[in-house]
PDB file of N, CA and C in Angstrom:
ATOM      1  N   MET A   1     -10.775   5.348   3.440  1.00  0.00           N
ATOM      2  CA  MET A   1      -9.939   5.757   2.323  1.00  0.00           C
ATOM      3  C   MET A   1     -10.009   4.696   1.230  1.00  0.00           C
ATOM      4  N   SER A   2     -10.217   5.111   0.017  1.00  0.00           N
ATOM      5  CA  SER A   2     -10.350   4.223  -1.118  1.00  0.00           C
ATOM      6  C   SER A   2      -8.973   3.722  -1.575  1.00  0.00           C
ATOM      7  N   ALA A   3      -8.944   2.485  -2.091  1.00  0.00           N
ATOM      8  CA  ALA A   3      -7.697   1.905  -2.590  1.00  0.00           C
ATOM      9  C   ALA A   3      -7.555   2.103  -4.097  1.00  0.00           C
ATOM     10  N   ASP A   4      -8.305   3.016  -4.699  1.00  0.00           N
ATOM     11  CA  ASP A   4      -8.282   3.240  -6.141  1.00  0.00           C
ATOM     12  C   ASP A   4      -6.939   3.750  -6.650  1.00  0.00           C
ATOM     13  N   TRP A   5      -6.132   4.340  -5.812  1.00  0.00           N
ATOM     14  CA  TRP A   5      -4.851   4.898  -6.224  1.00  0.00           C
ATOM     15  C   TRP A   5      -3.777   3.821  -6.374  1.00  0.00           C
ATOM     16  N   ARG A   6      -3.976   2.655  -5.783  1.00  0.00           N
ATOM     17  CA  ARG A   6      -2.923   1.622  -5.793  1.00  0.00           C
ATOM     18  C   ARG A   6      -2.590   1.092  -7.184  1.00  0.00           C
ATOM     19  N   PRO A   7      -3.578   0.758  -8.027  1.00  0.00           N
ATOM     20  CA  PRO A   7      -3.199   0.288  -9.373  1.00  0.00           C
ATOM     21  C   PRO A   7      -2.419   1.337 -10.171  1.00  0.00           C
ATOM     22  N   ARG A   8      -2.799   2.593 -10.039  1.00  0.00           N
ATOM     23  CA  ARG A   8      -2.078   3.655 -10.748  1.00  0.00           C
ATOM     24  C   ARG A   8      -0.657   3.781 -10.212  1.00  0.00           C
ATOM     25  N   LEU A   9      -0.501   3.699  -8.900  1.00  0.00           N
ATOM     26  CA  LEU A   9       0.834   3.774  -8.306  1.00  0.00           C
ATOM     27  C   LEU A   9       1.682   2.598  -8.781  1.00  0.00           C
ATOM     28  N   TRP A  10       1.098   1.399  -8.793  1.00  0.00           N
ATOM     29  CA  TRP A  10       1.836   0.211  -9.219  1.00  0.00           C
ATOM     30  C   TRP A  10       2.293   0.346 -10.667  1.00  0.00           C
ATOM     31  N   ARG A  11       1.398   0.854 -11.540  1.00  0.00           N
ATOM     32  CA  ARG A  11       1.775   1.056 -12.944  1.00  0.00           C
ATOM     33  C   ARG A  11       2.885   2.090 -13.052  1.00  0.00           C
ATOM     34  N   ALA A  12       2.819   3.140 -12.259  1.00  0.00           N
ATOM     35  CA  ALA A  12       3.857   4.181 -12.286  1.00  0.00           C
ATOM     36  C   ALA A  12       5.202   3.608 -11.852  1.00  0.00           C
ATOM     37  N   VAL A  13       5.210   2.793 -10.818  1.00  0.00           N
ATOM     38  CA  VAL A  13       6.462   2.173 -10.347  1.00  0.00           C
ATOM     39  C   VAL A  13       7.008   1.239 -11.432  1.00  0.00           C
ATOM     40  N   PHE A  14       6.122   0.508 -12.100  1.00  0.00           N
ATOM     41  CA  PHE A  14       6.529  -0.384 -13.190  1.00  0.00           C
ATOM     42  C   PHE A  14       7.186   0.422 -14.316  1.00  0.00           C
ATOM     43  N   VAL A  15       6.562   1.522 -14.716  1.00  0.00           N
ATOM     44  CA  VAL A  15       7.102   2.360 -15.800  1.00  0.00           C
ATOM     45  C   VAL A  15       8.453   2.951 -15.390  1.00  0.00           C
ATOM     46  N   VAL A  16       8.570   3.422 -14.168  1.00  0.00           N
ATOM     47  CA  VAL A  16       9.850   3.975 -13.694  1.00  0.00           C
ATOM     48  C   VAL A  16      10.923   2.885 -13.687  1.00  0.00           C
ATOM     49  N   THR A  17      10.560   1.669 -13.318  1.00  0.00           N
ATOM     50  CA  THR A  17      11.518   0.559 -13.325  1.00  0.00           C
ATOM     51  C   THR A  17      11.971   0.251 -14.747  1.00  0.00           C
ATOM     52  N   VAL A  18      11.034   0.215 -15.696  1.00  0.00           N
ATOM     53  CA  VAL A  18      11.392  -0.022 -17.096  1.00  0.00           C
ATOM     54  C   VAL A  18      12.341   1.077 -17.583  1.00  0.00           C
ATOM     55  N   LEU A  19      12.024   2.333 -17.294  1.00  0.00           N
ATOM     56  CA  LEU A  19      12.875   3.439 -17.726  1.00  0.00           C
ATOM     57  C   LEU A  19      14.260   3.361 -17.091  1.00  0.00           C
ATOM     58  N   THR A  20      14.328   2.966 -15.824  1.00  0.00           N
ATOM     59  CA  THR A  20      15.620   2.814 -15.145  1.00  0.00           C
ATOM     60  C   THR A  20      16.456   1.730 -15.816  1.00  0.00           C
ATOM     61  N   ILE A  21      15.820   0.614 -16.151  1.00  0.00           N
ATOM     62  CA  ILE A  21      16.533  -0.471 -16.827  1.00  0.00           C
ATOM     63  C   ILE A  21      17.020  -0.008 -18.196  1.00  0.00           C
ATOM     64  N   LEU A  22      16.206   0.764 -18.909  1.00  0.00           N
ATOM     65  CA  LEU A  22      16.631   1.291 -20.213  1.00  0.00           C
ATOM     66  C   LEU A  22      17.860   2.185 -20.078  1.00  0.00           C
ATOM     67  N   VAL A  23      17.836   3.078 -19.101  1.00  0.00           N
ATOM     68  CA  VAL A  23      18.974   3.981 -18.893  1.00  0.00           C
ATOM     69  C   VAL A  23      20.225   3.178 -18.548  1.00  0.00           C
ATOM     70  N   LEU A  24      20.099   2.225 -17.643  1.00  0.00           N
ATOM     71  CA  LEU A  24      21.258   1.421 -17.257  1.00  0.00           C
ATOM     72  C   LEU A  24      21.764   0.566 -18.418  1.00  0.00           C
ATOM     73  N   ALA A  25      20.849   0.086 -19.255  1.00  0.00           N
ATOM     74  CA  ALA A  25      21.238  -0.765 -20.378  1.00  0.00           C
ATOM     75  C   ALA A  25      21.943   0.017 -21.478  1.00  0.00           C
ATOM     76  N   LEU A  26      21.634   1.294 -21.597  1.00  0.00           N
ATOM     77  CA  LEU A  26      22.199   2.085 -22.683  1.00  0.00           C
ATOM     78  C   LEU A  26      23.327   3.021 -22.251  1.00  0.00           C
ATOM     79  N   ALA A  27      23.563   3.138 -20.961  1.00  0.00           N
ATOM     80  CA  ALA A  27      24.654   3.993 -20.470  1.00  0.00           C
ATOM     81  C   ALA A  27      25.993   3.308 -20.715  1.00  0.00           C
ATOM     82  N   PRO A  28      27.040   4.099 -20.957  1.00  0.00           N
ATOM     83  CA  PRO A  28      28.375   3.499 -21.094  1.00  0.00           C
ATOM     84  C   PRO A  28      28.755   2.766 -19.807  1.00  0.00           C
ATOM     85  N   MET A  29      29.385   1.621 -19.978  1.00  0.00           N
ATOM     86  CA  MET A  29      29.795   0.833 -18.817  1.00  0.00           C
ATOM     87  C   MET A  29      31.231   1.172 -18.453  1.00  0.00           C
ATOM     88  N   PRO A  30      31.472   1.493 -17.185  1.00  0.00           N
ATOM     89  CA  PRO A  30      32.865   1.712 -16.781  1.00  0.00           C
ATOM     90  C   PRO A  30      33.600   0.368 -16.782  1.00  0.00           C
ATOM     91  N   PRO A  31      34.886   0.375 -17.122  1.00  0.00           N
ATOM     92  CA  PRO A  31      35.630  -0.886 -17.106  1.00  0.00           C
ATOM     93  C   PRO A  31      35.703  -1.444 -15.692  1.00  0.00           C
ATOM     94  N   SER A  32      35.420  -2.714 -15.566  1.00  0.00           N
ATOM     95  CA  SER A  32      35.488  -3.351 -14.248  1.00  0.00           C
ATOM     96  C   SER A  32      35.891  -4.806 -14.431  1.00  0.00           C
ATOM     97  N   PRO A  33      36.668  -5.309 -13.487  1.00  0.00           N
ATOM     98  CA  PRO A  33      37.067  -6.713 -13.582  1.00  0.00           C
ATOM     99  C   PRO A  33      35.850  -7.610 -13.342  1.00  0.00           C
ATOM    100  N   ARG A  34      35.726  -8.640 -14.122  1.00  0.00           N
ATOM    101  CA  ARG A  34      34.616  -9.598 -13.978  1.00  0.00           C
ATOM    102  C   ARG A  34      35.046 -10.682 -12.993  1.00  0.00           C
ATOM    103  N   SER A  35      34.654 -10.526 -11.737  1.00  0.00           N
ATOM    104  CA  SER A  35      35.035 -11.515 -10.735  1.00  0.00           C
ATOM    105  C   SER A  35      34.042 -12.672 -10.688  1.00  0.00           C
ATOM    106  N   VAL A  36      32.815 -12.432 -11.138  1.00  0.00           N
ATOM    107  CA  VAL A  36      31.796 -13.476 -11.140  1.00  0.00           C
ATOM    108  C   VAL A  36      31.491 -13.832 -12.594  1.00  0.00           C
ATOM    109  N   PRO A  37      31.702 -15.111 -12.969  1.00  0.00           N
ATOM    110  CA  PRO A  37      31.386 -15.488 -14.347  1.00  0.00           C
ATOM    111  C   PRO A  37      29.895 -15.291 -14.645  1.00  0.00           C
ATOM    112  N   TYR A  38      29.595 -14.785 -15.808  1.00  0.00           N
ATOM    113  CA  TYR A  38      28.218 -14.580 -16.284  1.00  0.00           C
ATOM    114  C   TYR A  38      27.418 -13.612 -15.408  1.00  0.00           C
ATOM    115  N   ALA A  39      28.089 -12.717 -14.711  1.00  0.00           N
ATOM    116  CA  ALA A  39      27.383 -11.750 -13.859  1.00  0.00           C
ATOM    117  C   ALA A  39      26.427 -10.907 -14.685  1.00  0.00           C
ATOM    118  N   ASP A  40      26.821 -10.567 -15.905  1.00  0.00           N
ATOM    119  CA  ASP A  40      25.972  -9.774 -16.784  1.00  0.00           C
ATOM    120  C   ASP A  40      24.674 -10.517 -17.099  1.00  0.00           C
ATOM    121  N   LYS A  41      24.761 -11.815 -17.330  1.00  0.00           N
ATOM    122  CA  LYS A  41      23.559 -12.612 -17.647  1.00  0.00           C
ATOM    123  C   LYS A  41      22.646 -12.715 -16.429  1.00  0.00           C
ATOM    124  N   VAL A  42      23.232 -12.825 -15.255  1.00  0.00           N
ATOM    125  CA  VAL A  42      22.441 -12.871 -14.020  1.00  0.00           C
ATOM    126  C   VAL A  42      21.704 -11.546 -13.832  1.00  0.00           C
ATOM    127  N   GLN A  43      22.374 -10.436 -14.139  1.00  0.00           N
ATOM    128  CA  GLN A  43      21.733  -9.123 -14.029  1.00  0.00           C
ATOM    129  C   GLN A  43      20.558  -9.009 -15.001  1.00  0.00           C
ATOM    130  N   HIS A  44      20.732  -9.493 -16.220  1.00  0.00           N
ATOM    131  CA  HIS A  44      19.646  -9.473 -17.203  1.00  0.00           C
ATOM    132  C   HIS A  44      18.464 -10.300 -16.704  1.00  0.00           C
ATOM    133  N   ALA A  45      18.751 -11.526 -16.282  1.00  0.00           N
ATOM    134  CA  ALA A  45      17.678 -12.410 -15.815  1.00  0.00           C
ATOM    135  C   ALA A  45      16.956 -11.793 -14.615  1.00  0.00           C
ATOM    136  N   PHE A  46      17.699 -11.217 -13.693  1.00  0.00           N
ATOM    137  CA  PHE A  46      17.084 -10.623 -12.509  1.00  0.00           C
ATOM    138  C   PHE A  46      16.209  -9.431 -12.875  1.00  0.00           C
ATOM    139  N   ALA A  47      16.703  -8.573 -13.765  1.00  0.00           N
ATOM    140  CA  ALA A  47      15.933  -7.390 -14.168  1.00  0.00           C
ATOM    141  C   ALA A  47      14.605  -7.805 -14.800  1.00  0.00           C
ATOM    142  N   PHE A  48      14.629  -8.786 -15.681  1.00  0.00           N
ATOM    143  CA  PHE A  48      13.401  -9.199 -16.342  1.00  0.00           C
ATOM    144  C   PHE A  48      12.520 -10.048 -15.433  1.00  0.00           C
ATOM    145  N   PHE A  49      13.117 -10.722 -14.482  1.00  0.00           N
ATOM    146  CA  PHE A  49      12.332 -11.408 -13.443  1.00  0.00           C
ATOM    147  C   PHE A  49      11.537 -10.378 -12.634  1.00  0.00           C
ATOM    148  N   VAL A  50      12.207  -9.306 -12.224  1.00  0.00           N
ATOM    149  CA  VAL A  50      11.543  -8.253 -11.452  1.00  0.00           C
ATOM    150  C   VAL A  50      10.445  -7.599 -12.286  1.00  0.00           C
ATOM    151  N   LEU A  51      10.730  -7.286 -13.541  1.00  0.00           N
ATOM    152  CA  LEU A  51       9.706  -6.696 -14.402  1.00  0.00           C
ATOM    153  C   LEU A  51       8.507  -7.631 -14.548  1.00  0.00           C
ATOM    154  N   TRP A  52       8.778  -8.913 -14.714  1.00  0.00           N
ATOM    155  CA  TRP A  52       7.683  -9.877 -14.848  1.00  0.00           C
ATOM    156  C   TRP A  52       6.816  -9.890 -13.584  1.00  0.00           C
ATOM    157  N   VAL A  53       7.434 -10.013 -12.440  1.00  0.00           N
ATOM    158  CA  VAL A  53       6.672 -10.083 -11.187  1.00  0.00           C
ATOM    159  C   VAL A  53       5.872  -8.802 -10.983  1.00  0.00           C
ATOM    160  N   MET A  54       6.466  -7.670 -11.291  1.00  0.00           N
ATOM    161  CA  MET A  54       5.730  -6.405 -11.156  1.00  0.00           C
ATOM    162  C   MET A  54       4.556  -6.346 -12.124  1.00  0.00           C
ATOM    163  N   GLY A  55       4.796  -6.733 -13.375  1.00  0.00           N
ATOM    164  CA  GLY A  55       3.745  -6.665 -14.382  1.00  0.00           C
ATOM    165  C   GLY A  55       2.669  -7.725 -14.215  1.00  0.00           C
ATOM    166  N   ALA A  56       3.016  -8.821 -13.563  1.00  0.00           N
ATOM    167  CA  ALA A  56       2.088  -9.940 -13.425  1.00  0.00           C
ATOM    168  C   ALA A  56       1.060  -9.730 -12.316  1.00  0.00           C
ATOM    169  N   ARG A  57       1.086  -8.604 -11.671  1.00  0.00           N
ATOM    170  CA  ARG A  57       0.094  -8.333 -10.627  1.00  0.00           C
ATOM    171  C   ARG A  57      -1.308  -8.179 -11.202  1.00  0.00           C
ATOM    172  N   THR A  58      -1.403  -8.157 -12.524  1.00  0.00           N
ATOM    173  CA  THR A  58      -2.708  -8.096 -13.172  1.00  0.00           C
ATOM    174  C   THR A  58      -3.236  -9.517 -13.355  1.00  0.00           C
ATOM    175  N   GLY A  59      -4.371  -9.667 -14.003  1.00  0.00           N
ATOM    176  CA  GLY A  59      -5.000 -10.977 -14.182  1.00  0.00           C
ATOM    177  C   GLY A  59      -4.197 -11.915 -15.081  1.00  0.00           C
ATOM    178  N   TRP A  60      -4.448 -13.205 -14.987  1.00  0.00           N
ATOM    179  CA  TRP A  60      -3.721 -14.212 -15.761  1.00  0.00           C
ATOM    180  C   TRP A  60      -3.869 -14.017 -17.259  1.00  0.00           C
ATOM    181  N   TRP A  61      -4.977 -13.463 -17.707  1.00  0.00           N
ATOM    182  CA  TRP A  61      -5.189 -13.297 -19.149  1.00  0.00           C
ATOM    183  C   TRP A  61      -4.186 -12.347 -19.769  1.00  0.00           C
ATOM    184  N   ARG A  62      -3.473 -11.619 -18.972  1.00  0.00           N
ATOM    185  CA  ARG A  62      -2.489 -10.670 -19.501  1.00  0.00           C
ATOM    186  C   ARG A  62      -1.062 -11.203 -19.460  1.00  0.00           C
ATOM    187  N   LYS A  63      -0.870 -12.427 -19.028  1.00  0.00           N
ATOM    188  CA  LYS A  63       0.485 -12.954 -18.876  1.00  0.00           C
ATOM    189  C   LYS A  63       1.207 -13.121 -20.209  1.00  0.00           C
ATOM    190  N   LEU A  64       0.528 -13.684 -21.213  1.00  0.00           N
ATOM    191  CA  LEU A  64       1.178 -13.896 -22.497  1.00  0.00           C
ATOM    192  C   LEU A  64       1.538 -12.570 -23.170  1.00  0.00           C
ATOM    193  N   PRO A  65       0.627 -11.584 -23.232  1.00  0.00           N
ATOM    194  CA  PRO A  65       1.035 -10.292 -23.792  1.00  0.00           C
ATOM    195  C   PRO A  65       2.173  -9.637 -23.005  1.00  0.00           C
ATOM    196  N   LEU A  66       2.164  -9.782 -21.676  1.00  0.00           N
ATOM    197  CA  LEU A  66       3.246  -9.216 -20.864  1.00  0.00           C
ATOM    198  C   LEU A  66       4.571  -9.871 -21.226  1.00  0.00           C
ATOM    199  N   ALA A  67       4.571 -11.189 -21.361  1.00  0.00           N
ATOM    200  CA  ALA A  67       5.801 -11.898 -21.737  1.00  0.00           C
ATOM    201  C   ALA A  67       6.292 -11.415 -23.090  1.00  0.00           C
ATOM    202  N   GLY A  68       5.382 -11.267 -24.047  1.00  0.00           N
ATOM    203  CA  GLY A  68       5.773 -10.781 -25.368  1.00  0.00           C
ATOM    204  C   GLY A  68       6.329  -9.375 -25.320  1.00  0.00           C
ATOM    205  N   MET A  69       5.693  -8.517 -24.537  1.00  0.00           N
ATOM    206  CA  MET A  69       6.167  -7.137 -24.424  1.00  0.00           C
ATOM    207  C   MET A  69       7.545  -7.086 -23.769  1.00  0.00           C
ATOM    208  N   LEU A  70       7.760  -7.884 -22.738  1.00  0.00           N
ATOM    209  CA  LEU A  70       9.066  -7.861 -22.073  1.00  0.00           C
ATOM    210  C   LEU A  70      10.156  -8.421 -22.981  1.00  0.00           C
ATOM    211  N   LEU A  71       9.850  -9.490 -23.712  1.00  0.00           N
ATOM    212  CA  LEU A  71      10.851 -10.026 -24.632  1.00  0.00           C
ATOM    213  C   LEU A  71      11.110  -9.047 -25.776  1.00  0.00           C
ATOM    214  N   GLY A  72      10.077  -8.347 -26.215  1.00  0.00           N
ATOM    215  CA  GLY A  72      10.268  -7.296 -27.216  1.00  0.00           C
ATOM    216  C   GLY A  72      11.147  -6.181 -26.683  1.00  0.00           C
ATOM    217  N   LEU A  73      10.926  -5.808 -25.424  1.00  0.00           N
ATOM    218  CA  LEU A  73      11.765  -4.791 -24.783  1.00  0.00           C
ATOM    219  C   LEU A  73      13.214  -5.259 -24.744  1.00  0.00           C
ATOM    220  N   GLY A  74      13.428  -6.512 -24.365  1.00  0.00           N
ATOM    221  CA  GLY A  74      14.787  -7.052 -24.332  1.00  0.00           C
ATOM    222  C   GLY A  74      15.449  -7.010 -25.699  1.00  0.00           C
ATOM    223  N   ALA A  75      14.684  -7.364 -26.745  1.00  0.00           N
ATOM    224  CA  ALA A  75      15.220  -7.333 -28.106  1.00  0.00           C
ATOM    225  C   ALA A  75      15.546  -5.902 -28.528  1.00  0.00           C
ATOM    226  N   LEU A  76      14.661  -4.965 -28.204  1.00  0.00           N
ATOM    227  CA  LEU A  76      14.917  -3.563 -28.548  1.00  0.00           C
ATOM    228  C   LEU A  76      16.143  -3.021 -27.820  1.00  0.00           C
ATOM    229  N   ILE A  77      16.311  -3.420 -26.574  1.00  0.00           N
ATOM    230  CA  ILE A  77      17.500  -2.998 -25.822  1.00  0.00           C
ATOM    231  C   ILE A  77      18.759  -3.511 -26.513  1.00  0.00           C
ATOM    232  N   GLU A  78      18.734  -4.766 -26.937  1.00  0.00           N
ATOM    233  CA  GLU A  78      19.917  -5.332 -27.595  1.00  0.00           C
ATOM    234  C   GLU A  78      20.221  -4.611 -28.900  1.00  0.00           C
ATOM    235  N   VAL A  79      19.187  -4.312 -29.694  1.00  0.00           N
ATOM    236  CA  VAL A  79      19.392  -3.567 -30.936  1.00  0.00           C
ATOM    237  C   VAL A  79      19.959  -2.177 -30.620  1.00  0.00           C
ATOM    238  N   ALA A  80      19.371  -1.501 -29.642  1.00  0.00           N
ATOM    239  CA  ALA A  80      19.839  -0.159 -29.271  1.00  0.00           C
ATOM    240  C   ALA A  80      21.277  -0.206 -28.771  1.00  0.00           C
ATOM    241  N   GLN A  81      21.620  -1.239 -27.992  1.00  0.00           N
ATOM    242  CA  GLN A  81      22.994  -1.355 -27.520  1.00  0.00           C
ATOM    243  C   GLN A  81      23.959  -1.525 -28.689  1.00  0.00           C
ATOM    244  N   GLY A  82      23.545  -2.286 -29.695  1.00  0.00           N
ATOM    245  CA  GLY A  82      24.387  -2.488 -30.864  1.00  0.00           C
ATOM    246  C   GLY A  82      24.602  -1.206 -31.666  1.00  0.00           C
ATOM    247  N   LEU A  83      23.662  -0.280 -31.561  1.00  0.00           N
ATOM    248  CA  LEU A  83      23.767   0.981 -32.306  1.00  0.00           C
ATOM    249  C   LEU A  83      24.542   2.063 -31.558  1.00  0.00           C
ATOM    250  N   THR A  84      24.832   1.842 -30.266  1.00  0.00           N
ATOM    251  CA  THR A  84      25.484   2.896 -29.480  1.00  0.00           C
ATOM    252  C   THR A  84      26.942   3.111 -29.854  1.00  0.00           C
ATOM    253  N   GLY A  85      27.630   2.073 -30.267  1.00  0.00           N
ATOM    254  CA  GLY A  85      29.052   2.198 -30.554  1.00  0.00           C
ATOM    255  C   GLY A  85      29.925   1.892 -29.353  1.00  0.00           C
ATOM    256  N   TYR A  86      29.373   1.924 -28.158  1.00  0.00           N
ATOM    257  CA  TYR A  86      30.146   1.616 -26.956  1.00  0.00           C
ATOM    258  C   TYR A  86      29.573   0.422 -26.193  1.00  0.00           C
ATOM    259  N   ARG A  87      28.441  -0.102 -26.638  1.00  0.00           N
ATOM    260  CA  ARG A  87      27.866  -1.337 -26.078  1.00  0.00           C
ATOM    261  C   ARG A  87      27.720  -2.310 -27.234  1.00  0.00           C
ATOM    262  N   GLU A  88      27.458  -3.563 -26.939  1.00  0.00           N
ATOM    263  CA  GLU A  88      27.268  -4.532 -28.021  1.00  0.00           C
ATOM    264  C   GLU A  88      26.002  -5.336 -27.786  1.00  0.00           C
ATOM    265  N   ALA A  89      25.339  -5.661 -28.893  1.00  0.00           N
ATOM    266  CA  ALA A  89      24.153  -6.506 -28.840  1.00  0.00           C
ATOM    267  C   ALA A  89      24.595  -7.948 -28.567  1.00  0.00           C
ATOM    268  N   SER A  90      23.774  -8.670 -27.835  1.00  0.00           N
ATOM    269  CA  SER A  90      24.149 -10.026 -27.459  1.00  0.00           C
ATOM    270  C   SER A  90      22.920 -10.917 -27.394  1.00  0.00           C
ATOM    271  N   LEU A  91      22.928 -11.986 -28.186  1.00  0.00           N
ATOM    272  CA  LEU A  91      21.834 -12.961 -28.132  1.00  0.00           C
ATOM    273  C   LEU A  91      21.768 -13.660 -26.773  1.00  0.00           C
ATOM    274  N   PRO A  92      22.913 -13.992 -26.156  1.00  0.00           N
ATOM    275  CA  PRO A  92      22.837 -14.580 -24.811  1.00  0.00           C
ATOM    276  C   PRO A  92      22.174 -13.645 -23.781  1.00  0.00           C
ATOM    277  N   ASP A  93      22.321 -12.322 -23.955  1.00  0.00           N
ATOM    278  CA  ASP A  93      21.631 -11.391 -23.058  1.00  0.00           C
ATOM    279  C   ASP A  93      20.116 -11.518 -23.228  1.00  0.00           C
ATOM    280  N   LEU A  94      19.669 -11.630 -24.471  1.00  0.00           N
ATOM    281  CA  LEU A  94      18.245 -11.796 -24.736  1.00  0.00           C
ATOM    282  C   LEU A  94      17.747 -13.123 -24.173  1.00  0.00           C
ATOM    283  N   ALA A  95      18.571 -14.162 -24.256  1.00  0.00           N
ATOM    284  CA  ALA A  95      18.206 -15.456 -23.661  1.00  0.00           C
ATOM    285  C   ALA A  95      18.089 -15.330 -22.139  1.00  0.00           C
ATOM    286  N   ALA A  96      18.972 -14.553 -21.529  1.00  0.00           N
ATOM    287  CA  ALA A  96      18.893 -14.327 -20.081  1.00  0.00           C
ATOM    288  C   ALA A  96      17.625 -13.556 -19.724  1.00  0.00           C
ATOM    289  N   ASP A  97      17.238 -12.594 -20.574  1.00  0.00           N
ATOM    290  CA  ASP A  97      15.977 -11.879 -20.364  1.00  0.00           C
ATOM    291  C   ASP A  97      14.812 -12.867 -20.376  1.00  0.00           C
ATOM    292  N   ALA A  98      14.820 -13.765 -21.371  1.00  0.00           N
ATOM    293  CA  ALA A  98      13.757 -14.771 -21.488  1.00  0.00           C
ATOM    294  C   ALA A  98      13.750 -15.703 -20.282  1.00  0.00           C
ATOM    295  N   LEU A  99      14.921 -16.050 -19.776  1.00  0.00           N
ATOM    296  CA  LEU A  99      15.003 -16.892 -18.583  1.00  0.00           C
ATOM    297  C   LEU A  99      14.396 -16.179 -17.385  1.00  0.00           C
ATOM    298  N   GLY A 100      14.663 -14.891 -17.244  1.00  0.00           N
ATOM    299  CA  GLY A 100      14.079 -14.120 -16.142  1.00  0.00           C
ATOM    300  C   GLY A 100      12.562 -14.089 -16.227  1.00  0.00           C
ATOM    301  N   VAL A 101      12.031 -13.902 -17.439  1.00  0.00           N
ATOM    302  CA  VAL A 101      10.574 -13.920 -17.630  1.00  0.00           C
ATOM    303  C   VAL A 101      10.021 -15.298 -17.281  1.00  0.00           C
ATOM    304  N   ALA A 102      10.676 -16.357 -17.754  1.00  0.00           N
ATOM    305  CA  ALA A 102      10.206 -17.718 -17.480  1.00  0.00           C
ATOM    306  C   ALA A 102      10.237 -18.033 -15.985  1.00  0.00           C
ATOM    307  N   LEU A 103      11.302 -17.632 -15.312  1.00  0.00           N
ATOM    308  CA  LEU A 103      11.380 -17.873 -13.865  1.00  0.00           C
ATOM    309  C   LEU A 103      10.291 -17.096 -13.128  1.00  0.00           C
ATOM    310  N   GLY A 104      10.059 -15.865 -13.553  1.00  0.00           N
ATOM    311  CA  GLY A 104       8.997 -15.071 -12.941  1.00  0.00           C
ATOM    312  C   GLY A 104       7.633 -15.700 -13.166  1.00  0.00           C
ATOM    313  N   TRP A 105       7.375 -16.151 -14.394  1.00  0.00           N
ATOM    314  CA  TRP A 105       6.104 -16.789 -14.713  1.00  0.00           C
ATOM    315  C   TRP A 105       5.938 -18.040 -13.850  1.00  0.00           C
ATOM    316  N   GLY A 106       7.004 -18.822 -13.709  1.00  0.00           N
ATOM    317  CA  GLY A 106       6.947 -20.028 -12.876  1.00  0.00           C
ATOM    318  C   GLY A 106       6.682 -19.698 -11.420  1.00  0.00           C
ATOM    319  N   LEU A 107       7.300 -18.649 -10.928  1.00  0.00           N
ATOM    320  CA  LEU A 107       7.089 -18.250  -9.536  1.00  0.00           C
ATOM    321  C   LEU A 107       5.653 -17.800  -9.307  1.00  0.00           C
ATOM    322  N   VAL A 108       5.136 -16.993 -10.220  1.00  0.00           N
ATOM    323  CA  VAL A 108       3.776 -16.486 -10.065  1.00  0.00           C
ATOM    324  C   VAL A 108       2.764 -17.620 -10.209  1.00  0.00           C
ATOM    325  N   ALA A 109       3.089 -18.621 -11.040  1.00  0.00           N
ATOM    326  CA  ALA A 109       2.170 -19.740 -11.276  1.00  0.00           C
ATOM    327  C   ALA A 109       2.050 -20.664 -10.073  1.00  0.00           C
ATOM    328  N   VAL A 110       3.078 -20.693  -9.212  1.00  0.00           N
ATOM    329  CA  VAL A 110       3.056 -21.571  -8.051  1.00  0.00           C
ATOM    330  C   VAL A 110       2.128 -20.982  -7.010  1.00  0.00           C
ATOM    331  N   LYS A 111       1.139 -21.746  -6.645  1.00  0.00           N
ATOM    332  CA  LYS A 111       0.184 -21.290  -5.627  1.00  0.00           C
ATOM    333  C   LYS A 111       0.621 -21.845  -4.270  1.00  0.00           C
ATOM    334  N   PRO A 112       0.649 -21.023  -3.237  1.00  0.00           N
ATOM    335  CA  PRO A 112       1.036 -21.520  -1.920  1.00  0.00           C
ATOM    336  C   PRO A 112       0.000 -22.502  -1.380  1.00  0.00           C
ATOM    337  N   ALA A 113       0.464 -23.496  -0.669  1.00  0.00           N
ATOM    338  CA  ALA A 113      -0.440 -24.488  -0.073  1.00  0.00           C
ATOM    339  C   ALA A 113      -1.256 -23.829   1.036  1.00  0.00           C
ATOM    340  N   THR A 114      -2.509 -24.204   1.097  1.00  0.00           N
ATOM    341  CA  THR A 114      -3.373 -23.636   2.144  1.00  0.00           C
ATOM    342  C   THR A 114      -3.725 -24.676   3.168  1.00  0.00           C
TER     343      THR A 114
END
C-alpha cells in the first residue's frame, strides 16, 4: 500500500484545525469565572503551538512562510474579533499567538540525541 495519501490527509487535518480555531475564536463566549490568570493567553499560545507543529511537518525551507502565515492568521482573527461587537481585539492575544509559534519552532528545531 502506497503512503501517498498521508500528506493529503495531514494537510486536511491542518485545514480542519485552522477552521476549528477560527470558529472558536469568533463564536460568542459564554460568561465564565476566570479561575486561572491569563488562561485566555495560554489557550492562544497552545492553539498556535499546535498549528505550528502540524504545519512544520514539511521541510525547513517552509518554516519562515509558515510563521508569517500563522501570525497573519492571528492578526486577522484579532481584527475579526474586534468587528464582531461581542468579542474584542487584543494585542496581548496576538503576542500569545507569536509565543506559541516561537515555542513550536524551538521544539521542532531541537534534534533528539542519537
